[in-house]
């Protein structure tokens, strides 16, 4: 298995990532999805903004 990383501004498809990173003799793959609450302190969450310092990613 080779290392895999990708910087993207597009949505991430977890199934595709799992297929690309799981070794052929793997019995299971575990992934983690995060979920965002609809309201925080009475204010609706309208969007998320993620940042990355690309030279260190």
N, C-alpha and C. Protein backbone atom coordinates (compact mmCIF):
# COMPACT_ATOMS: atom_id res chain seq x y z
N UNK A 1 0.85 -1.18 0.00
CA UNK A 1 0.00 0.00 0.00
C UNK A 1 0.89 1.23 0.00
N UNK A 2 0.54 2.22 -0.80
CA UNK A 2 1.27 3.47 -0.82
C UNK A 2 0.52 4.53 -0.03
N UNK A 3 1.24 5.54 0.41
CA UNK A 3 0.59 6.64 1.12
C UNK A 3 -0.33 7.39 0.16
N UNK A 4 -1.38 7.95 0.71
CA UNK A 4 -2.34 8.69 -0.10
C UNK A 4 -2.73 9.96 0.62
N UNK A 5 -2.63 11.07 -0.05
CA UNK A 5 -3.18 12.31 0.47
C UNK A 5 -3.65 13.16 -0.69
N UNK A 6 -4.59 14.03 -0.41
CA UNK A 6 -5.13 14.88 -1.46
C UNK A 6 -5.69 16.14 -0.82
N UNK A 7 -5.35 17.29 -1.37
CA UNK A 7 -5.97 18.55 -0.97
C UNK A 7 -7.06 18.84 -1.98
N UNK A 8 -8.24 19.17 -1.49
CA UNK A 8 -9.36 19.41 -2.40
C UNK A 8 -10.30 20.46 -1.83
N UNK A 9 -10.97 21.13 -2.71
CA UNK A 9 -12.05 22.03 -2.31
C UNK A 9 -13.40 21.40 -2.65
N UNK A 10 -13.36 20.18 -3.16
CA UNK A 10 -14.58 19.46 -3.56
C UNK A 10 -15.06 18.58 -2.40
N UNK A 11 -16.33 18.16 -2.43
CA UNK A 11 -16.82 17.22 -1.41
C UNK A 11 -15.99 15.93 -1.42
N UNK A 12 -15.82 15.33 -0.25
CA UNK A 12 -15.03 14.11 -0.11
C UNK A 12 -15.96 12.91 -0.07
N UNK A 13 -15.72 11.94 -0.95
CA UNK A 13 -16.51 10.71 -0.98
C UNK A 13 -15.78 9.66 -0.13
N UNK A 14 -16.33 9.35 1.04
CA UNK A 14 -15.68 8.46 1.99
C UNK A 14 -15.43 7.08 1.40
N UNK A 15 -16.38 6.55 0.62
CA UNK A 15 -16.21 5.22 0.03
C UNK A 15 -15.01 5.18 -0.92
N UNK A 16 -14.82 6.24 -1.68
CA UNK A 16 -13.68 6.30 -2.59
C UNK A 16 -12.37 6.34 -1.82
N UNK A 17 -12.32 7.13 -0.76
CA UNK A 17 -11.11 7.19 0.07
C UNK A 17 -10.81 5.83 0.67
N UNK A 18 -11.83 5.15 1.19
CA UNK A 18 -11.63 3.83 1.79
C UNK A 18 -11.09 2.84 0.76
N UNK A 19 -11.62 2.85 -0.45
CA UNK A 19 -11.13 1.93 -1.49
C UNK A 19 -9.67 2.22 -1.84
N UNK A 20 -9.29 3.48 -1.86
CA UNK A 20 -7.92 3.85 -2.24
C UNK A 20 -6.90 3.58 -1.14
N UNK A 21 -7.34 3.50 0.11
CA UNK A 21 -6.39 3.39 1.21
C UNK A 21 -6.36 2.02 1.88
N UNK A 22 -7.36 1.20 1.68
CA UNK A 22 -7.42 -0.11 2.34
C UNK A 22 -6.52 -1.10 1.61
N UNK A 23 -5.64 -1.80 2.34
CA UNK A 23 -4.81 -2.82 1.70
C UNK A 23 -5.67 -4.00 1.25
N UNK A 24 -5.21 -4.77 0.25
CA UNK A 24 -6.01 -5.88 -0.28
C UNK A 24 -6.37 -6.93 0.76
N UNK A 25 -5.51 -7.13 1.76
CA UNK A 25 -5.78 -8.17 2.77
C UNK A 25 -6.49 -7.61 4.00
N UNK A 26 -7.05 -6.43 3.88
CA UNK A 26 -7.72 -5.77 5.00
C UNK A 26 -9.07 -6.45 5.29
N UNK A 27 -9.33 -6.73 6.54
CA UNK A 27 -10.59 -7.34 6.92
C UNK A 27 -11.69 -6.33 7.16
N UNK A 28 -11.31 -5.08 7.47
CA UNK A 28 -12.30 -4.04 7.74
C UNK A 28 -11.67 -2.67 7.54
N UNK A 29 -12.50 -1.71 7.27
CA UNK A 29 -12.06 -0.32 7.15
C UNK A 29 -12.94 0.53 8.05
N UNK A 30 -12.34 1.44 8.78
CA UNK A 30 -13.07 2.34 9.66
C UNK A 30 -12.87 3.76 9.18
N UNK A 31 -13.96 4.49 9.01
CA UNK A 31 -13.89 5.90 8.65
C UNK A 31 -14.70 6.70 9.66
N UNK A 32 -14.45 7.98 9.71
CA UNK A 32 -15.15 8.86 10.64
C UNK A 32 -15.76 10.02 9.87
N UNK A 33 -17.05 10.22 10.05
CA UNK A 33 -17.74 11.38 9.49
C UNK A 33 -18.05 12.33 10.63
N UNK A 34 -17.97 13.61 10.36
CA UNK A 34 -18.37 14.60 11.35
C UNK A 34 -19.69 15.22 10.96
N UNK A 35 -20.46 15.58 11.94
CA UNK A 35 -21.75 16.21 11.68
C UNK A 35 -21.80 17.54 12.42
N UNK A 36 -22.50 18.50 11.85
CA UNK A 36 -22.57 19.85 12.39
C UNK A 36 -23.98 20.12 12.87
N UNK A 37 -24.09 20.74 14.04
CA UNK A 37 -25.42 21.06 14.55
C UNK A 37 -26.07 22.15 13.70
N UNK A 38 -27.38 22.13 13.66
CA UNK A 38 -28.11 23.10 12.85
C UNK A 38 -28.09 24.49 13.49
N UNK A 39 -28.14 24.54 14.82
CA UNK A 39 -28.14 25.82 15.52
C UNK A 39 -27.06 25.83 16.60
N UNK A 40 -26.41 26.98 16.78
CA UNK A 40 -25.45 27.20 17.85
C UNK A 40 -25.81 28.51 18.53
N UNK A 41 -26.12 28.42 19.82
CA UNK A 41 -26.51 29.62 20.60
C UNK A 41 -27.62 30.39 19.90
N UNK A 42 -28.59 29.64 19.36
CA UNK A 42 -29.75 30.25 18.72
C UNK A 42 -29.54 30.73 17.30
N UNK A 43 -28.33 30.58 16.78
CA UNK A 43 -28.05 31.03 15.40
C UNK A 43 -27.90 29.82 14.49
N UNK A 44 -28.56 29.89 13.33
CA UNK A 44 -28.52 28.77 12.38
C UNK A 44 -27.16 28.70 11.69
N UNK A 45 -26.65 27.47 11.56
CA UNK A 45 -25.41 27.24 10.82
C UNK A 45 -25.75 27.26 9.34
N UNK A 46 -25.20 28.21 8.62
CA UNK A 46 -25.48 28.35 7.19
C UNK A 46 -24.40 27.74 6.31
N UNK A 47 -23.16 27.73 6.78
CA UNK A 47 -22.06 27.15 6.02
C UNK A 47 -20.88 26.91 6.95
N UNK A 48 -19.95 26.13 6.48
CA UNK A 48 -18.70 25.88 7.19
C UNK A 48 -17.56 26.38 6.32
N UNK A 49 -16.50 26.79 6.97
CA UNK A 49 -15.33 27.24 6.25
C UNK A 49 -14.12 26.52 6.83
N UNK A 50 -13.42 25.79 6.00
CA UNK A 50 -12.22 25.07 6.43
C UNK A 50 -11.00 25.73 5.83
N UNK A 51 -9.95 25.77 6.61
CA UNK A 51 -8.69 26.31 6.12
C UNK A 51 -7.60 25.26 6.28
N UNK A 52 -6.62 25.34 5.43
CA UNK A 52 -5.44 24.48 5.55
C UNK A 52 -4.23 25.28 5.09
N UNK A 53 -3.14 25.11 5.79
CA UNK A 53 -1.89 25.72 5.38
C UNK A 53 -1.24 24.71 4.45
N UNK A 54 -1.45 24.88 3.14
CA UNK A 54 -1.07 23.87 2.16
C UNK A 54 0.39 23.44 2.22
N UNK A 55 1.37 24.33 2.48
CA UNK A 55 2.76 23.86 2.54
C UNK A 55 3.00 22.82 3.63
N UNK A 56 2.16 22.81 4.67
CA UNK A 56 2.35 21.85 5.75
C UNK A 56 1.41 20.66 5.65
N UNK A 57 0.48 20.70 4.71
CA UNK A 57 -0.51 19.62 4.60
C UNK A 57 0.10 18.39 3.97
